[in-house]
Amino acid sequence: MSVKLSNLNDRQIKAVLFAKGKITNSDYQKLNDVSKRTATTELTELVEKFTLFDRKVTSGSNIFYRISGAIVGQVGQ
């Protein structure tokens, strides 16, 4: 799978490069200085639209996002 970085916003690119395996909503908020709502929206796009992350745990404060196995090794290329 190949995702063009031009399809992602700067904050989403930063999250993919930062994640090194997984990222939480709180990590995304701090990394990008955005609200919880913005972080949730943009992480959801990375899961559903771009399939770059897999969502682990379905609800609550334990949700985290793990880089999809499909792109491991492609980030940074």
PDB file of N, CA and C in Angstrom:
ATOM      1  N   MET A   1       0.832  -1.177   0.000  1.00  0.00           N
ATOM      2  CA  MET A   1       0.000   0.000   0.000  1.00  0.00           C
ATOM      3  C   MET A   1       0.874   1.237   0.000  1.00  0.00           C
ATOM      4  N   SER A   2       0.515   2.191  -0.776  1.00  0.00           N
ATOM      5  CA  SER A   2       1.274   3.428  -0.839  1.00  0.00           C
ATOM      6  C   SER A   2       0.336   4.609  -0.640  1.00  0.00           C
ATOM      7  N   VAL A   3       0.623   5.412   0.370  1.00  0.00           N
ATOM      8  CA  VAL A   3      -0.156   6.612   0.647  1.00  0.00           C
ATOM      9  C   VAL A   3       0.719   7.807   0.340  1.00  0.00           C
ATOM     10  N   LYS A   4       0.205   8.713  -0.463  1.00  0.00           N
ATOM     11  CA  LYS A   4       0.956   9.914  -0.758  1.00  0.00           C
ATOM     12  C   LYS A   4       0.904  10.838   0.448  1.00  0.00           C
ATOM     13  N   LEU A   5       2.059  11.294   0.877  1.00  0.00           N
ATOM     14  CA  LEU A   5       2.092  12.198   2.016  1.00  0.00           C
ATOM     15  C   LEU A   5       1.324  13.474   1.732  1.00  0.00           C
ATOM     16  N   SER A   6       1.172  13.836   0.469  1.00  0.00           N
ATOM     17  CA  SER A   6       0.430  15.045   0.133  1.00  0.00           C
ATOM     18  C   SER A   6      -1.049  14.911   0.490  1.00  0.00           C
ATOM     19  N   ASN A   7      -1.528  13.684   0.706  1.00  0.00           N
ATOM     20  CA  ASN A   7      -2.918  13.475   1.110  1.00  0.00           C
ATOM     21  C   ASN A   7      -3.116  13.694   2.606  1.00  0.00           C
ATOM     22  N   LEU A   8      -2.045  13.751   3.363  1.00  0.00           N
ATOM     23  CA  LEU A   8      -2.110  13.935   4.808  1.00  0.00           C
ATOM     24  C   LEU A   8      -1.800  15.386   5.144  1.00  0.00           C
ATOM     25  N   ASN A   9      -2.380  15.871   6.258  1.00  0.00           N
ATOM     26  CA  ASN A   9      -1.993  17.214   6.685  1.00  0.00           C
ATOM     27  C   ASN A   9      -0.686  17.122   7.474  1.00  0.00           C
ATOM     28  N   ASP A  10      -0.077  18.256   7.741  1.00  0.00           N
ATOM     29  CA  ASP A  10       1.231  18.274   8.417  1.00  0.00           C
ATOM     30  C   ASP A  10       1.187  17.579   9.771  1.00  0.00           C
ATOM     31  N   ARG A  11       0.093  17.756  10.507  1.00  0.00           N
ATOM     32  CA  ARG A  11      -0.014  17.121  11.824  1.00  0.00           C
ATOM     33  C   ARG A  11      -0.084  15.603  11.700  1.00  0.00           C
ATOM     34  N   GLN A  12      -0.777  15.107  10.686  1.00  0.00           N
ATOM     35  CA  GLN A  12      -0.875  13.653  10.494  1.00  0.00           C
ATOM     36  C   GLN A  12       0.472  13.069  10.094  1.00  0.00           C
ATOM     37  N   ILE A  13       1.206  13.762   9.262  1.00  0.00           N
ATOM     38  CA  ILE A  13       2.555  13.315   8.892  1.00  0.00           C
ATOM     39  C   ILE A  13       3.431  13.244  10.140  1.00  0.00           C
ATOM     40  N   LYS A  14       3.351  14.277  10.962  1.00  0.00           N
ATOM     41  CA  LYS A  14       4.136  14.315  12.194  1.00  0.00           C
ATOM     42  C   LYS A  14       3.775  13.121  13.086  1.00  0.00           C
ATOM     43  N   ALA A  15       2.487  12.790  13.169  1.00  0.00           N
ATOM     44  CA  ALA A  15       2.041  11.665  14.001  1.00  0.00           C
ATOM     45  C   ALA A  15       2.589  10.339  13.487  1.00  0.00           C
ATOM     46  N   VAL A  16       2.567  10.150  12.168  1.00  0.00           N
ATOM     47  CA  VAL A  16       3.089   8.899  11.588  1.00  0.00           C
ATOM     48  C   VAL A  16       4.577   8.769  11.895  1.00  0.00           C
ATOM     49  N   LEU A  17       5.315   9.853  11.754  1.00  0.00           N
ATOM     50  CA  LEU A  17       6.747   9.809  12.015  1.00  0.00           C
ATOM     51  C   LEU A  17       7.043   9.665  13.507  1.00  0.00           C
ATOM     52  N   PHE A  18       6.205  10.243  14.349  1.00  0.00           N
ATOM     53  CA  PHE A  18       6.380  10.194  15.794  1.00  0.00           C
ATOM     54  C   PHE A  18       6.046   8.821  16.370  1.00  0.00           C
ATOM     55  N   ALA A  19       5.035   8.187  15.829  1.00  0.00           N
ATOM     56  CA  ALA A  19       4.411   7.013  16.448  1.00  0.00           C
ATOM     57  C   ALA A  19       5.387   5.891  16.795  1.00  0.00           C
ATOM     58  N   LYS A  20       6.275   5.529  15.908  1.00  0.00           N
ATOM     59  CA  LYS A  20       7.221   4.441  16.155  1.00  0.00           C
ATOM     60  C   LYS A  20       6.520   3.247  16.796  1.00  0.00           C
ATOM     61  N   GLY A  21       5.372   2.909  16.293  1.00  0.00           N
ATOM     62  CA  GLY A  21       4.634   1.775  16.826  1.00  0.00           C
ATOM     63  C   GLY A  21       3.243   2.154  17.271  1.00  0.00           C
ATOM     64  N   LYS A  22       3.129   3.107  18.215  1.00  0.00           N
ATOM     65  CA  LYS A  22       1.795   3.480  18.659  1.00  0.00           C
ATOM     66  C   LYS A  22       1.756   4.933  19.102  1.00  0.00           C
ATOM     67  N   ILE A  23       0.533   5.476  19.126  1.00  0.00           N
ATOM     68  CA  ILE A  23       0.295   6.842  19.563  1.00  0.00           C
ATOM     69  C   ILE A  23      -1.080   6.892  20.212  1.00  0.00           C
ATOM     70  N   THR A  24      -1.224   7.720  21.226  1.00  0.00           N
ATOM     71  CA  THR A  24      -2.521   7.917  21.870  1.00  0.00           C
ATOM     72  C   THR A  24      -3.089   9.262  21.445  1.00  0.00           C
ATOM     73  N   ASN A  25      -4.356   9.468  21.753  1.00  0.00           N
ATOM     74  CA  ASN A  25      -4.992  10.752  21.472  1.00  0.00           C
ATOM     75  C   ASN A  25      -4.255  11.853  22.233  1.00  0.00           C
ATOM     76  N   SER A  26      -3.897  11.577  23.457  1.00  0.00           N
ATOM     77  CA  SER A  26      -3.169  12.548  24.272  1.00  0.00           C
ATOM     78  C   SER A  26      -1.812  12.891  23.653  1.00  0.00           C
ATOM     79  N   ASP A  27      -1.101  11.879  23.155  1.00  0.00           N
ATOM     80  CA  ASP A  27       0.174  12.118  22.463  1.00  0.00           C
ATOM     81  C   ASP A  27      -0.042  13.050  21.280  1.00  0.00           C
ATOM     82  N   TYR A  28      -1.075  12.771  20.495  1.00  0.00           N
ATOM     83  CA  TYR A  28      -1.366  13.563  19.292  1.00  0.00           C
ATOM     84  C   TYR A  28      -1.675  15.010  19.663  1.00  0.00           C
ATOM     85  N   GLN A  29      -2.462  15.190  20.747  1.00  0.00           N
ATOM     86  CA  GLN A  29      -2.790  16.541  21.202  1.00  0.00           C
ATOM     87  C   GLN A  29      -1.537  17.327  21.579  1.00  0.00           C
ATOM     88  N   LYS A  30      -0.659  16.705  22.335  1.00  0.00           N
ATOM     89  CA  LYS A  30       0.570  17.368  22.778  1.00  0.00           C
ATOM     90  C   LYS A  30       1.519  17.622  21.609  1.00  0.00           C
ATOM     91  N   LEU A  31       1.658  16.648  20.747  1.00  0.00           N
ATOM     92  CA  LEU A  31       2.561  16.737  19.603  1.00  0.00           C
ATOM     93  C   LEU A  31       2.181  17.883  18.683  1.00  0.00           C
ATOM     94  N   ASN A  32       0.866  18.086  18.510  1.00  0.00           N
ATOM     95  CA  ASN A  32       0.375  19.052  17.531  1.00  0.00           C
ATOM     96  C   ASN A  32      -0.316  20.264  18.129  1.00  0.00           C
ATOM     97  N   ASP A  33      -0.378  20.354  19.450  1.00  0.00           N
ATOM     98  CA  ASP A  33      -1.034  21.464  20.135  1.00  0.00           C
ATOM     99  C   ASP A  33      -2.451  21.680  19.596  1.00  0.00           C
ATOM    100  N   VAL A  34      -3.243  20.600  19.630  1.00  0.00           N
ATOM    101  CA  VAL A  34      -4.622  20.643  19.148  1.00  0.00           C
ATOM    102  C   VAL A  34      -5.566  20.130  20.235  1.00  0.00           C
ATOM    103  N   SER A  35      -6.853  20.383  20.036  1.00  0.00           N
ATOM    104  CA  SER A  35      -7.877  19.936  20.974  1.00  0.00           C
ATOM    105  C   SER A  35      -8.075  18.423  20.870  1.00  0.00           C
ATOM    106  N   LYS A  36      -8.745  17.867  21.875  1.00  0.00           N
ATOM    107  CA  LYS A  36      -9.065  16.442  21.861  1.00  0.00           C
ATOM    108  C   LYS A  36      -9.924  16.111  20.648  1.00  0.00           C
ATOM    109  N   ARG A  37     -10.863  16.976  20.325  1.00  0.00           N
ATOM    110  CA  ARG A  37     -11.757  16.738  19.183  1.00  0.00           C
ATOM    111  C   ARG A  37     -10.977  16.670  17.869  1.00  0.00           C
ATOM    112  N   THR A  38     -10.048  17.621  17.667  1.00  0.00           N
ATOM    113  CA  THR A  38      -9.230  17.623  16.447  1.00  0.00           C
ATOM    114  C   THR A  38      -8.364  16.375  16.383  1.00  0.00           C
ATOM    115  N   ALA A  39      -7.758  16.022  17.508  1.00  0.00           N
ATOM    116  CA  ALA A  39      -6.919  14.815  17.546  1.00  0.00           C
ATOM    117  C   ALA A  39      -7.731  13.577  17.186  1.00  0.00           C
ATOM    118  N   THR A  40      -8.918  13.464  17.756  1.00  0.00           N
ATOM    119  CA  THR A  40      -9.780  12.317  17.465  1.00  0.00           C
ATOM    120  C   THR A  40     -10.152  12.271  15.993  1.00  0.00           C
ATOM    121  N   THR A  41     -10.541  13.410  15.443  1.00  0.00           N
ATOM    122  CA  THR A  41     -10.924  13.481  14.027  1.00  0.00           C
ATOM    123  C   THR A  41      -9.779  13.065  13.121  1.00  0.00           C
ATOM    124  N   GLU A  42      -8.603  13.612  13.366  1.00  0.00           N
ATOM    125  CA  GLU A  42      -7.469  13.348  12.483  1.00  0.00           C
ATOM    126  C   GLU A  42      -6.919  11.937  12.664  1.00  0.00           C
ATOM    127  N   LEU A  43      -6.937  11.410  13.872  1.00  0.00           N
ATOM    128  CA  LEU A  43      -6.518  10.019  14.070  1.00  0.00           C
ATOM    129  C   LEU A  43      -7.518   9.064  13.420  1.00  0.00           C
ATOM    130  N   THR A  44      -8.788   9.397  13.502  1.00  0.00           N
ATOM    131  CA  THR A  44      -9.809   8.573  12.853  1.00  0.00           C
ATOM    132  C   THR A  44      -9.598   8.545  11.345  1.00  0.00           C
ATOM    133  N   GLU A  45      -9.232   9.676  10.759  1.00  0.00           N
ATOM    134  CA  GLU A  45      -8.907   9.699   9.320  1.00  0.00           C
ATOM    135  C   GLU A  45      -7.741   8.776   9.016  1.00  0.00           C
ATOM    136  N   LEU A  46      -6.717   8.796   9.868  1.00  0.00           N
ATOM    137  CA  LEU A  46      -5.550   7.935   9.645  1.00  0.00           C
ATOM    138  C   LEU A  46      -5.930   6.460   9.717  1.00  0.00           C
ATOM    139  N   VAL A  47      -6.950   6.131  10.498  1.00  0.00           N
ATOM    140  CA  VAL A  47      -7.429   4.748  10.604  1.00  0.00           C
ATOM    141  C   VAL A  47      -8.340   4.397   9.440  1.00  0.00           C
ATOM    142  N   GLU A  48      -9.366   5.212   9.225  1.00  0.00           N
ATOM    143  CA  GLU A  48     -10.437   4.835   8.295  1.00  0.00           C
ATOM    144  C   GLU A  48     -10.182   5.232   6.844  1.00  0.00           C
ATOM    145  N   LYS A  49      -9.642   6.408   6.623  1.00  0.00           N
ATOM    146  CA  LYS A  49      -9.459   6.896   5.252  1.00  0.00           C
ATOM    147  C   LYS A  49      -8.138   6.430   4.653  1.00  0.00           C
ATOM    148  N   PHE A  50      -7.077   6.524   5.446  1.00  0.00           N
ATOM    149  CA  PHE A  50      -5.745   6.221   4.923  1.00  0.00           C
ATOM    150  C   PHE A  50      -5.225   4.856   5.358  1.00  0.00           C
ATOM    151  N   THR A  51      -5.896   4.210   6.282  1.00  0.00           N
ATOM    152  CA  THR A  51      -5.506   2.907   6.844  1.00  0.00           C
ATOM    153  C   THR A  51      -4.033   2.839   7.253  1.00  0.00           C
ATOM    154  N   LEU A  52      -3.533   3.937   7.811  1.00  0.00           N
ATOM    155  CA  LEU A  52      -2.149   3.970   8.287  1.00  0.00           C
ATOM    156  C   LEU A  52      -2.022   3.446   9.705  1.00  0.00           C
ATOM    157  N   PHE A  53      -3.102   3.550  10.471  1.00  0.00           N
ATOM    158  CA  PHE A  53      -3.112   3.071  11.846  1.00  0.00           C
ATOM    159  C   PHE A  53      -4.263   2.100  12.031  1.00  0.00           C
ATOM    160  N   ASP A  54      -4.097   1.202  12.995  1.00  0.00           N
ATOM    161  CA  ASP A  54      -5.171   0.342  13.464  1.00  0.00           C
ATOM    162  C   ASP A  54      -5.555   0.842  14.843  1.00  0.00           C
ATOM    163  N   ARG A  55      -6.856   0.959  15.100  1.00  0.00           N
ATOM    164  CA  ARG A  55      -7.329   1.403  16.420  1.00  0.00           C
ATOM    165  C   ARG A  55      -7.374   0.195  17.334  1.00  0.00           C
ATOM    166  N   LYS A  56      -6.768   0.331  18.504  1.00  0.00           N
ATOM    167  CA  LYS A  56      -6.768  -0.732  19.500  1.00  0.00           C
ATOM    168  C   LYS A  56      -7.636  -0.284  20.662  1.00  0.00           C
ATOM    169  N   VAL A  57      -8.506  -1.137  21.137  1.00  0.00           N
ATOM    170  CA  VAL A  57      -9.516  -0.851  22.147  1.00  0.00           C
ATOM    171  C   VAL A  57     -10.572   0.012  21.459  1.00  0.00           C
ATOM    172  N   THR A  58     -11.809  -0.213  21.746  1.00  0.00           N
ATOM    173  CA  THR A  58     -12.862   0.440  20.972  1.00  0.00           C
ATOM    174  C   THR A  58     -13.393   1.731  21.566  1.00  0.00           C
ATOM    175  N   SER A  59     -13.229   1.943  22.865  1.00  0.00           N
ATOM    176  CA  SER A  59     -13.742   3.182  23.442  1.00  0.00           C
ATOM    177  C   SER A  59     -13.038   3.487  24.758  1.00  0.00           C
ATOM    178  N   GLY A  60     -13.227   4.713  25.190  1.00  0.00           N
ATOM    179  CA  GLY A  60     -12.688   5.121  26.482  1.00  0.00           C
ATOM    180  C   GLY A  60     -11.263   5.632  26.405  1.00  0.00           C
ATOM    181  N   SER A  61     -10.694   5.833  27.576  1.00  0.00           N
ATOM    182  CA  SER A  61      -9.368   6.453  27.663  1.00  0.00           C
ATOM    183  C   SER A  61      -8.233   5.488  27.341  1.00  0.00           C
ATOM    184  N   ASN A  62      -8.540   4.220  27.124  1.00  0.00           N
ATOM    185  CA  ASN A  62      -7.498   3.239  26.817  1.00  0.00           C
ATOM    186  C   ASN A  62      -7.216   3.092  25.327  1.00  0.00           C
ATOM    187  N   ILE A  63      -7.905   3.863  24.482  1.00  0.00           N
ATOM    188  CA  ILE A  63      -7.699   3.759  23.033  1.00  0.00           C
ATOM    189  C   ILE A  63      -6.288   4.203  22.688  1.00  0.00           C
ATOM    190  N   PHE A  64      -5.643   3.433  21.841  1.00  0.00           N
ATOM    191  CA  PHE A  64      -4.388   3.874  21.235  1.00  0.00           C
ATOM    192  C   PHE A  64      -4.386   3.407  19.799  1.00  0.00           C
ATOM    193  N   TYR A  65      -3.498   3.942  19.035  1.00  0.00           N
ATOM    194  CA  TYR A  65      -3.423   3.678  17.600  1.00  0.00           C
ATOM    195  C   TYR A  65      -2.060   3.103  17.301  1.00  0.00           C
ATOM    196  N   ARG A  66      -2.048   1.965  16.613  1.00  0.00           N
ATOM    197  CA  ARG A  66      -0.792   1.301  16.248  1.00  0.00           C
ATOM    198  C   ARG A  66      -0.606   1.399  14.745  1.00  0.00           C
ATOM    199  N   ILE A  67       0.617   1.678  14.331  1.00  0.00           N
ATOM    200  CA  ILE A  67       0.908   1.757  12.898  1.00  0.00           C
ATOM    201  C   ILE A  67       0.505   0.442  12.255  1.00  0.00           C
ATOM    202  N   SER A  68      -0.213   0.552  11.157  1.00  0.00           N
ATOM    203  CA  SER A  68      -0.685  -0.618  10.423  1.00  0.00           C
ATOM    204  C   SER A  68       0.492  -1.444   9.940  1.00  0.00           C
ATOM    205  N   GLY A  69       0.357  -2.754  10.020  1.00  0.00           N
ATOM    206  CA  GLY A  69       1.407  -3.658   9.550  1.00  0.00           C
ATOM    207  C   GLY A  69       1.726  -3.457   8.084  1.00  0.00           C
ATOM    208  N   ALA A  70       0.778  -2.919   7.338  1.00  0.00           N
ATOM    209  CA  ALA A  70       0.965  -2.697   5.917  1.00  0.00           C
ATOM    210  C   ALA A  70       1.999  -1.631   5.611  1.00  0.00           C
ATOM    211  N   ILE A  71       2.239  -0.731   6.571  1.00  0.00           N
ATOM    212  CA  ILE A  71       3.182   0.344   6.262  1.00  0.00           C
ATOM    213  C   ILE A  71       4.465   0.272   7.064  1.00  0.00           C
ATOM    214  N   VAL A  72       4.558  -0.663   8.000  1.00  0.00           N
ATOM    215  CA  VAL A  72       5.798  -0.786   8.759  1.00  0.00           C
ATOM    216  C   VAL A  72       6.939  -0.998   7.765  1.00  0.00           C
ATOM    217  N   GLY A  73       7.980  -0.228   7.898  1.00  0.00           N
ATOM    218  CA  GLY A  73       9.108  -0.310   6.980  1.00  0.00           C
ATOM    219  C   GLY A  73       9.009   0.674   5.834  1.00  0.00           C
ATOM    220  N   GLN A  74       7.837   1.272   5.613  1.00  0.00           N
ATOM    221  CA  GLN A  74       7.687   2.235   4.528  1.00  0.00           C
ATOM    222  C   GLN A  74       7.819   3.668   5.013  1.00  0.00           C
ATOM    223  N   VAL A  75       7.564   3.902   6.307  1.00  0.00           N
ATOM    224  CA  VAL A  75       7.622   5.255   6.838  1.00  0.00           C
ATOM    225  C   VAL A  75       9.063   5.757   6.768  1.00  0.00           C
ATOM    226  N   GLY A  76       9.220   6.944   6.257  1.00  0.00           N
ATOM    227  CA  GLY A  76      10.540   7.539   6.126  1.00  0.00           C
ATOM    228  C   GLY A  76      11.227   7.242   4.821  1.00  0.00           C
ATOM    229  N   GLN A  77      10.600   6.458   3.959  1.00  0.00           N
ATOM    230  CA  GLN A  77      11.200   6.134   2.667  1.00  0.00           C
ATOM    231  C   GLN A  77      10.845   7.184   1.648  1.00  0.00           C
TER     232      GLN A  77
END
